[in-house]
Structure formats: structure tokens, C-alpha cells
Amino acid sequence: MQLLRTILIIVLVYYLVKLIARYVLPLIVRYFIRKAQNDIQAREGKRKKQGEMNIEYSPDKKQATDKLGEYVDYEEVKD
């Protein structure tokens, strides 16, 4: 009886995976393909035309050089 139950579960899981692969998987793939196409179209819409300029201001980021210490230039002395 236990063997028959196990075989039945295996067959049901097999057909369930087969149905998912046949009907659900293509829908998921189609969704991701459409999403990628929309992203590409949005990027191409943002491209600038030839000769168009855009200047963006980015403030200088000051690094904390105090933590590094002071640099001292030295010369090597030979005896």
C-alpha cells in the first residue's frame, strides 16, 4: 500500500511539473522579455541627440587627509 501511494505521488508531481513547464513558464519568460524591452526603449528615449549638451554639477568630495598624517620629503644620506 505504501509503495502504491509513493508511486502515485511521484506521478502526480511529474504531471504537475509538466503542466507548469508547459503553461506557466512561458508566461513568466514573456513577462521578463517585455520588461527588458521596455527598459531598453526607455534608455533609448533618454539618449541625447548629436550636438546636445548637458552639464551636471557634482560637488567636490573632500577626503579627510588629516587621518593620513603629514608627508615629509627626505633625502637619503650616504656616509
N, C-alpha and C. Protein backbone atom coordinates (compact mmCIF):
# COMPACT_ATOMS: atom_id res chain seq x y z
N MET A 1 0.81 -1.19 0.00
CA MET A 1 0.00 0.00 0.00
C MET A 1 0.86 1.27 0.00
N GLN A 2 1.93 1.23 0.79
CA GLN A 2 2.84 2.38 0.87
C GLN A 2 3.53 2.61 -0.48
N LEU A 3 3.89 1.54 -1.16
CA LEU A 3 4.55 1.64 -2.46
C LEU A 3 3.62 2.28 -3.50
N LEU A 4 2.36 1.87 -3.48
CA LEU A 4 1.38 2.42 -4.41
C LEU A 4 1.18 3.91 -4.17
N ARG A 5 1.13 4.29 -2.92
CA ARG A 5 0.97 5.71 -2.56
C ARG A 5 2.17 6.53 -3.04
N THR A 6 3.37 6.01 -2.85
CA THR A 6 4.59 6.69 -3.28
C THR A 6 4.61 6.85 -4.80
N ILE A 7 4.25 5.80 -5.52
CA ILE A 7 4.22 5.86 -6.99
C ILE A 7 3.19 6.89 -7.45
N LEU A 8 2.04 6.93 -6.79
CA LEU A 8 1.00 7.89 -7.15
C LEU A 8 1.48 9.33 -6.93
N ILE A 9 2.17 9.58 -5.83
CA ILE A 9 2.71 10.92 -5.55
C ILE A 9 3.74 11.31 -6.59
N ILE A 10 4.61 10.39 -6.96
CA ILE A 10 5.64 10.67 -7.97
C ILE A 10 4.99 11.02 -9.31
N VAL A 11 3.96 10.26 -9.70
CA VAL A 11 3.27 10.51 -10.98
C VAL A 11 2.57 11.87 -10.94
N LEU A 12 1.92 12.19 -9.83
CA LEU A 12 1.25 13.48 -9.72
C LEU A 12 2.23 14.64 -9.77
N VAL A 13 3.36 14.52 -9.09
CA VAL A 13 4.38 15.57 -9.13
C VAL A 13 4.93 15.71 -10.54
N TYR A 14 5.15 14.61 -11.24
CA TYR A 14 5.66 14.65 -12.61
C TYR A 14 4.71 15.43 -13.52
N TYR A 15 3.41 15.12 -13.44
CA TYR A 15 2.46 15.81 -14.30
C TYR A 15 2.28 17.27 -13.89
N LEU A 16 2.37 17.55 -12.61
CA LEU A 16 2.29 18.93 -12.15
C LEU A 16 3.45 19.75 -12.69
N VAL A 17 4.65 19.22 -12.62
CA VAL A 17 5.83 19.92 -13.16
C VAL A 17 5.71 20.08 -14.67
N LYS A 18 5.18 19.07 -15.33
CA LYS A 18 5.00 19.13 -16.78
C LYS A 18 4.01 20.23 -17.16
N LEU A 19 2.91 20.35 -16.42
CA LEU A 19 1.93 21.40 -16.69
C LEU A 19 2.50 22.78 -16.42
N ILE A 20 3.24 22.92 -15.34
CA ILE A 20 3.86 24.21 -15.02
C ILE A 20 4.85 24.60 -16.12
N ALA A 21 5.64 23.64 -16.56
CA ALA A 21 6.64 23.93 -17.60
C ALA A 21 5.96 24.30 -18.92
N ARG A 22 4.81 23.74 -19.18
CA ARG A 22 4.15 23.98 -20.46
C ARG A 22 3.37 25.29 -20.48
N TYR A 23 2.70 25.63 -19.37
CA TYR A 23 1.80 26.78 -19.39
C TYR A 23 2.30 27.99 -18.59
N VAL A 24 2.88 27.77 -17.45
CA VAL A 24 3.25 28.88 -16.58
C VAL A 24 4.62 29.44 -16.96
N LEU A 25 5.57 28.59 -17.24
CA LEU A 25 6.93 29.03 -17.56
C LEU A 25 6.97 29.96 -18.77
N PRO A 26 6.26 29.69 -19.86
CA PRO A 26 6.27 30.66 -20.98
C PRO A 26 5.70 32.02 -20.59
N LEU A 27 4.69 32.05 -19.71
CA LEU A 27 4.15 33.34 -19.28
C LEU A 27 5.19 34.12 -18.50
N ILE A 28 5.93 33.46 -17.65
CA ILE A 28 6.97 34.13 -16.87
C ILE A 28 8.08 34.65 -17.78
N VAL A 29 8.49 33.84 -18.73
CA VAL A 29 9.55 34.25 -19.67
C VAL A 29 9.07 35.45 -20.50
N ARG A 30 7.82 35.40 -20.97
CA ARG A 30 7.27 36.51 -21.74
C ARG A 30 7.25 37.80 -20.93
N TYR A 31 6.91 37.70 -19.65
CA TYR A 31 6.89 38.87 -18.77
C TYR A 31 8.27 39.50 -18.67
N PHE A 32 9.30 38.69 -18.45
CA PHE A 32 10.65 39.23 -18.31
C PHE A 32 11.18 39.79 -19.63
N ILE A 33 10.81 39.19 -20.74
CA ILE A 33 11.24 39.70 -22.05
C ILE A 33 10.60 41.06 -22.31
N ARG A 34 9.31 41.21 -22.01
CA ARG A 34 8.64 42.50 -22.20
C ARG A 34 9.23 43.57 -21.30
N LYS A 35 9.54 43.19 -20.08
CA LYS A 35 10.14 44.13 -19.15
C LYS A 35 11.50 44.61 -19.65
N ALA A 36 12.31 43.69 -20.17
CA ALA A 36 13.62 44.06 -20.71
C ALA A 36 13.46 44.96 -21.93
N GLN A 37 12.49 44.67 -22.79
CA GLN A 37 12.26 45.51 -23.97
C GLN A 37 11.84 46.92 -23.56
N ASN A 38 10.99 47.03 -22.56
CA ASN A 38 10.56 48.36 -22.10
C ASN A 38 11.73 49.13 -21.51
N ASP A 39 12.60 48.45 -20.78
CA ASP A 39 13.78 49.12 -20.22
C ASP A 39 14.70 49.63 -21.33
N ILE A 40 14.89 48.83 -22.35
CA ILE A 40 15.76 49.23 -23.47
C ILE A 40 15.14 50.42 -24.20
N GLN A 41 13.84 50.39 -24.43
CA GLN A 41 13.17 51.51 -25.11
C GLN A 41 13.25 52.79 -24.28
N ALA A 42 13.15 52.65 -22.98
CA ALA A 42 13.24 53.83 -22.11
C ALA A 42 14.64 54.43 -22.16
N ARG A 43 15.66 53.57 -22.20
CA ARG A 43 17.04 54.06 -22.28
C ARG A 43 17.29 54.77 -23.61
N GLU A 44 16.77 54.20 -24.69
CA GLU A 44 16.99 54.82 -26.00
C GLU A 44 16.26 56.16 -26.09
N GLY A 45 15.15 56.30 -25.40
CA GLY A 45 14.43 57.56 -25.40
C GLY A 45 15.20 58.65 -24.66
N LYS A 46 16.05 58.25 -23.73
CA LYS A 46 16.83 59.21 -22.96
C LYS A 46 18.12 59.62 -23.65
N ARG A 47 18.48 58.95 -24.73
CA ARG A 47 19.72 59.29 -25.42
C ARG A 47 19.65 60.71 -25.96
N LYS A 48 20.77 61.36 -25.96
CA LYS A 48 20.84 62.75 -26.43
C LYS A 48 21.10 62.78 -27.93
N LYS A 49 20.55 63.79 -28.54
CA LYS A 49 20.79 63.98 -29.96
C LYS A 49 22.18 64.55 -30.18
N GLN A 50 22.69 64.41 -31.38
CA GLN A 50 24.03 64.88 -31.69
C GLN A 50 24.08 66.39 -31.54
N GLY A 51 25.09 66.86 -30.81
CA GLY A 51 25.27 68.29 -30.60
C GLY A 51 24.60 68.80 -29.34
N GLU A 52 23.78 68.02 -28.72
CA GLU A 52 23.11 68.45 -27.49
C GLU A 52 24.06 68.27 -26.31
N MET A 53 24.08 69.27 -25.43
CA MET A 53 24.99 69.22 -24.28
C MET A 53 24.19 69.25 -23.00
N ASN A 54 24.74 68.57 -22.01
CA ASN A 54 24.13 68.58 -20.69
C ASN A 54 25.26 68.64 -19.67
N ILE A 55 25.25 69.68 -18.86
CA ILE A 55 26.30 69.85 -17.87
C ILE A 55 25.69 69.61 -16.49
N GLU A 56 26.25 68.66 -15.77
CA GLU A 56 25.76 68.36 -14.43
C GLU A 56 26.84 68.75 -13.42
N TYR A 57 26.42 69.43 -12.39
CA TYR A 57 27.35 69.88 -11.36
C TYR A 57 27.45 68.79 -10.30
N SER A 58 28.67 68.42 -10.00
CA SER A 58 28.89 67.47 -8.91
C SER A 58 29.91 68.10 -7.96
N PRO A 59 29.52 68.34 -6.73
CA PRO A 59 30.43 68.99 -5.78
C PRO A 59 31.63 68.11 -5.50
N ASP A 60 32.78 68.77 -5.25
CA ASP A 60 33.99 68.02 -4.95
C ASP A 60 33.84 67.35 -3.60
N LYS A 61 34.25 66.12 -3.55
CA LYS A 61 34.21 65.39 -2.28
C LYS A 61 35.56 65.55 -1.61
N LYS A 62 35.57 66.18 -0.46
CA LYS A 62 36.82 66.39 0.25
C LYS A 62 37.13 65.15 1.08
N GLN A 63 38.31 64.65 0.90
CA GLN A 63 38.73 63.48 1.67
C GLN A 63 39.44 63.96 2.93
N ALA A 64 39.27 63.24 3.97
CA ALA A 64 39.91 63.59 5.23
C ALA A 64 41.38 63.15 5.16
N THR A 65 42.25 64.11 4.83
CA THR A 65 43.67 63.79 4.76
C THR A 65 44.33 63.92 6.11
N ASP A 66 43.62 64.46 7.09
CA ASP A 66 44.19 64.61 8.42
C ASP A 66 44.48 63.25 9.04
N LYS A 67 43.73 62.29 8.71
CA LYS A 67 43.93 60.96 9.27
C LYS A 67 45.18 60.28 8.74
N LEU A 68 45.61 60.71 7.57
CA LEU A 68 46.76 60.06 6.94
C LEU A 68 48.08 60.54 7.53
N GLY A 69 48.14 61.69 8.11
CA GLY A 69 49.39 62.22 8.64
C GLY A 69 50.00 63.21 7.67
N GLU A 70 51.19 63.69 8.00
CA GLU A 70 51.85 64.70 7.20
C GLU A 70 52.93 64.04 6.35
N TYR A 71 53.02 64.44 5.10
CA TYR A 71 54.04 63.90 4.21
C TYR A 71 55.31 64.73 4.35
N VAL A 72 56.45 64.06 4.57
CA VAL A 72 57.72 64.76 4.72
C VAL A 72 58.66 64.22 3.65
N ASP A 73 59.17 65.14 2.82
CA ASP A 73 60.12 64.76 1.79
C ASP A 73 61.50 64.62 2.44
N TYR A 74 62.23 63.58 2.09
CA TYR A 74 63.55 63.39 2.71
C TYR A 74 64.56 62.98 1.65
N GLU A 75 65.81 63.13 2.00
CA GLU A 75 66.90 62.69 1.14
C GLU A 75 67.69 61.64 1.85
N GLU A 76 68.18 60.69 1.07
CA GLU A 76 68.99 59.63 1.67
C GLU A 76 70.44 60.11 1.73
N VAL A 77 71.06 60.00 2.88
CA VAL A 77 72.42 60.47 3.07
C VAL A 77 73.35 59.27 3.11
N LYS A 78 74.40 59.31 2.27
CA LYS A 78 75.38 58.22 2.26
C LYS A 78 76.59 58.63 3.09
N ASP A 79 77.11 57.73 3.88
CA ASP A 79 78.30 58.02 4.68
C ASP A 79 79.58 57.84 3.92
